[in-house]
Protein backbone atom coordinates (compact mmCIF):
# COMPACT_ATOMS: atom_id res chain seq x y z
CA UNK A 1 -124.73 114.62 211.38
CA UNK A 2 -127.63 114.92 213.78
CA UNK A 3 -129.58 112.03 215.09
CA UNK A 4 -132.66 113.00 213.28
CA UNK A 5 -130.77 112.92 209.84
CA UNK A 6 -129.21 109.61 210.69
CA UNK A 7 -132.61 108.02 211.28
CA UNK A 8 -133.98 109.31 207.99
CA UNK A 9 -131.00 107.85 206.08
CA UNK A 10 -131.44 104.44 207.81
CA UNK A 11 -135.22 104.45 207.17
CA UNK A 12 -134.58 105.18 203.47
CA UNK A 13 -132.02 102.21 203.26
CA UNK A 14 -134.61 99.93 204.93
CA UNK A 15 -137.24 100.89 202.34
CA UNK A 16 -134.74 100.27 199.50
CA UNK A 17 -133.90 96.89 200.88
CA UNK A 18 -137.56 95.93 201.20
CA UNK A 19 -138.44 97.16 197.68
CA UNK A 20 -135.53 95.01 196.25
CA UNK A 21 -136.89 92.06 198.12
CA UNK A 22 -140.52 92.70 196.71
CA UNK A 23 -138.98 93.03 193.20
CA UNK A 24 -137.13 89.67 193.51
CA UNK A 25 -140.42 87.96 194.61
CA UNK A 26 -142.33 89.41 191.72
CA UNK A 27 -139.67 88.34 189.24
CA UNK A 28 -139.57 84.82 190.69
CA UNK A 29 -143.33 84.53 190.32
CA UNK A 30 -143.08 85.77 186.76
CA UNK A 31 -140.25 83.24 185.97
CA UNK A 32 -142.32 80.45 187.49
CA UNK A 33 -145.32 81.47 185.32
CA UNK A 34 -143.10 81.38 182.15
CA UNK A 35 -141.71 77.96 183.02
CA UNK A 36 -145.27 76.66 183.79
CA UNK A 37 -146.41 77.86 180.39
CA UNK A 38 -143.46 76.22 178.58
CA UNK A 39 -144.17 72.95 180.46
CA UNK A 40 -147.79 73.05 179.44
CA UNK A 41 -146.90 73.79 175.78
CA UNK A 42 -144.28 71.10 175.53
CA UNK A 43 -146.31 68.35 177.38
CA UNK A 44 -147.96 67.26 174.15
CA UNK A 45 -144.58 67.08 172.34
CA UNK A 46 -143.00 65.19 175.27
CA UNK A 47 -145.92 62.74 175.27
CA UNK A 48 -145.17 62.03 171.52
CA UNK A 49 -141.39 61.23 172.36
CA UNK A 50 -142.14 59.30 175.54
CA UNK A 51 -142.43 55.87 173.76
CA UNK A 52 -139.14 56.56 171.94
CA UNK A 53 -137.55 57.51 175.23
CA UNK A 54 -138.93 54.18 176.85
CA UNK A 55 -137.43 52.19 174.04
CA UNK A 56 -133.99 53.84 174.07
CA UNK A 57 -133.42 52.80 177.71
CA UNK A 58 -133.27 49.09 176.99
CA UNK A 59 -131.33 49.86 173.69
CA UNK A 60 -128.68 51.63 175.69
CA UNK A 61 -128.48 48.65 178.03
CA UNK A 62 -128.00 46.34 175.09
CA UNK A 63 -125.31 48.61 173.64
CA UNK A 64 -123.57 48.56 176.97
CA UNK A 65 -123.56 44.80 177.05
CA UNK A 66 -122.34 44.61 173.40
CA UNK A 67 -119.53 47.05 174.32
CA UNK A 68 -118.45 44.90 177.30
CA UNK A 69 -118.47 41.81 175.14
CA UNK A 70 -116.50 43.52 172.42
CA UNK A 71 -113.93 44.59 175.05
CA UNK A 72 -113.57 40.95 176.13
CA UNK A 73 -113.11 39.79 172.58
CA UNK A 74 -110.48 42.52 171.92
CA UNK A 75 -108.61 41.56 175.04
CA UNK A 76 -108.70 37.95 174.04
CA UNK A 77 -107.49 38.70 170.52
CA UNK A 78 -104.76 40.84 171.84
CA UNK A 79 -103.43 38.06 174.12
CA UNK A 80 -103.68 35.58 171.26
CA UNK A 81 -101.79 37.91 168.95
CA UNK A 82 -98.94 38.21 171.49
CA UNK A 83 -98.91 34.43 171.85
CA UNK A 84 -98.84 33.98 168.04
CA UNK A 85 -96.01 36.53 167.71
CA UNK A 86 -94.10 34.62 170.28
CA UNK A 87 -94.69 31.25 168.53
CA UNK A 88 -93.71 32.80 165.23
CA UNK A 89 -90.49 34.06 166.68
CA UNK A 90 -89.75 30.70 168.05
CA UNK A 91 -90.45 29.10 164.74
CA UNK A 92 -88.12 31.48 162.94
CA UNK A 93 -85.34 30.95 165.56
CA UNK A 94 -85.77 27.17 165.23
CA UNK A 95 -85.67 27.40 161.43
CA UNK A 96 -82.68 29.67 161.50
CA UNK A 97 -80.82 27.22 163.88
CA UNK A 98 -81.67 24.21 161.56
CA UNK A 99 -80.59 26.09 158.43
CA UNK A 100 -77.25 27.04 160.17
CA UNK A 101 -76.78 23.34 161.02
CA UNK A 102 -77.37 22.47 157.46
CA UNK A 103 -74.80 24.97 156.36
CA UNK A 104 -72.29 23.53 158.84
CA UNK A 105 -73.09 20.07 157.57
CA UNK A 106 -72.60 21.17 153.92
CA UNK A 107 -69.37 22.76 154.70
CA UNK A 108 -68.17 19.78 156.66
CA UNK A 109 -68.95 17.51 153.70
CA UNK A 110 -67.08 20.04 151.51
CA UNK A 111 -69.10 19.10 148.44
CA UNK A 112 -68.71 20.92 145.21
CA UNK A 113 -71.96 22.71 144.65
CA UNK A 114 -73.35 23.95 141.33
CA UNK A 115 -74.04 27.73 141.01
CA UNK A 116 -77.58 28.73 141.93
CA UNK A 117 -78.67 29.35 138.38
CA UNK A 118 -77.83 25.77 137.56
CA UNK A 119 -79.63 24.61 140.61
CA UNK A 120 -82.80 26.47 139.49
CA UNK A 121 -82.51 24.78 136.02
CA UNK A 122 -82.04 21.35 137.71
CA UNK A 123 -85.06 22.04 140.06
CA UNK A 124 -87.20 22.77 136.98
CA UNK A 125 -85.98 19.50 135.35
CA UNK A 126 -86.73 17.57 138.47
CA UNK A 127 -90.22 19.11 138.70
CA UNK A 128 -90.87 18.00 135.18
CA UNK A 129 -89.45 14.64 135.85
CA UNK A 130 -91.71 14.10 138.77
CA UNK A 131 -94.73 14.84 136.74
CA UNK A 132 -93.92 12.09 134.22
CA UNK A 133 -94.12 8.44 135.34
CA UNK A 134 -90.55 7.35 135.86
CA UNK A 135 -88.40 5.00 137.86
CA UNK A 136 -87.35 6.07 141.39
CA UNK A 137 -84.17 8.20 141.35
CA UNK A 138 -81.11 7.05 143.05
CA UNK A 139 -79.62 9.19 145.74
CA UNK A 140 -76.30 10.46 144.36
CA UNK A 141 -73.78 12.92 145.78
CA UNK A 142 -74.98 15.53 143.31
CA UNK A 143 -78.58 15.19 144.48
CA UNK A 144 -77.48 15.41 148.10
CA UNK A 145 -75.33 18.46 147.38
CA UNK A 146 -78.38 20.06 145.66
CA UNK A 147 -80.60 19.42 148.59
CA UNK A 148 -77.87 20.86 151.01
CA UNK A 149 -77.50 23.92 148.84
CA UNK A 150 -81.33 24.47 148.87
CA UNK A 151 -81.14 24.28 152.69
CA UNK A 152 -78.37 26.81 152.62
CA UNK A 153 -80.44 29.21 150.49
CA UNK A 154 -83.42 28.77 152.81
CA UNK A 155 -81.12 29.51 155.70
CA UNK A 156 -80.15 32.84 154.25
CA UNK A 157 -83.72 33.68 153.77
CA UNK A 158 -84.70 32.77 157.27
CA UNK A 159 -81.72 34.75 158.61
CA UNK A 160 -83.07 37.84 156.87
CA UNK A 161 -86.64 37.11 158.15
CA UNK A 162 -85.46 36.51 161.72
CA UNK A 163 -83.54 39.77 161.67
CA UNK A 164 -86.60 41.60 160.57
CA UNK A 165 -88.99 39.93 163.06
CA UNK A 166 -86.58 39.92 166.04
CA UNK A 167 -85.53 43.52 165.64
CA UNK A 168 -86.34 45.71 168.65
CA UNK A 169 -89.65 47.62 168.30
């Protein structure tokens, strides 16, 4: 390629670059004009919503404070629930221990206990008897055996409850 042809090709490339730059400038000015028109047209609409925007700022601040307070309350309740569960487990363990001791005491006394159905009937009678005015009842071996049997039944119930509550999660 001759030197003359090379200069013509380079000049054409420079003209193409300049024309691309000019086209970009014209398009940028056109886009700016469109945005300015949109801004002018929406200025009235934004002016109507500006009081609402001004009111929502403090509202969002209040919501943020409320959320923080709620978080503190939830954390407090969570720690109290853990403590309550621990206290409940301790209560169940202590009740279970006492009922087992009552069972051991009942067995050591080796008293002849009535069947549970008779015990329920006797409890019904004693409830009726306590509602009527009567003399104080004497403590007899059969009354003591009924009380110990009641403790034994309560022990079985607390054993089941403790197994349920103390089961691993």
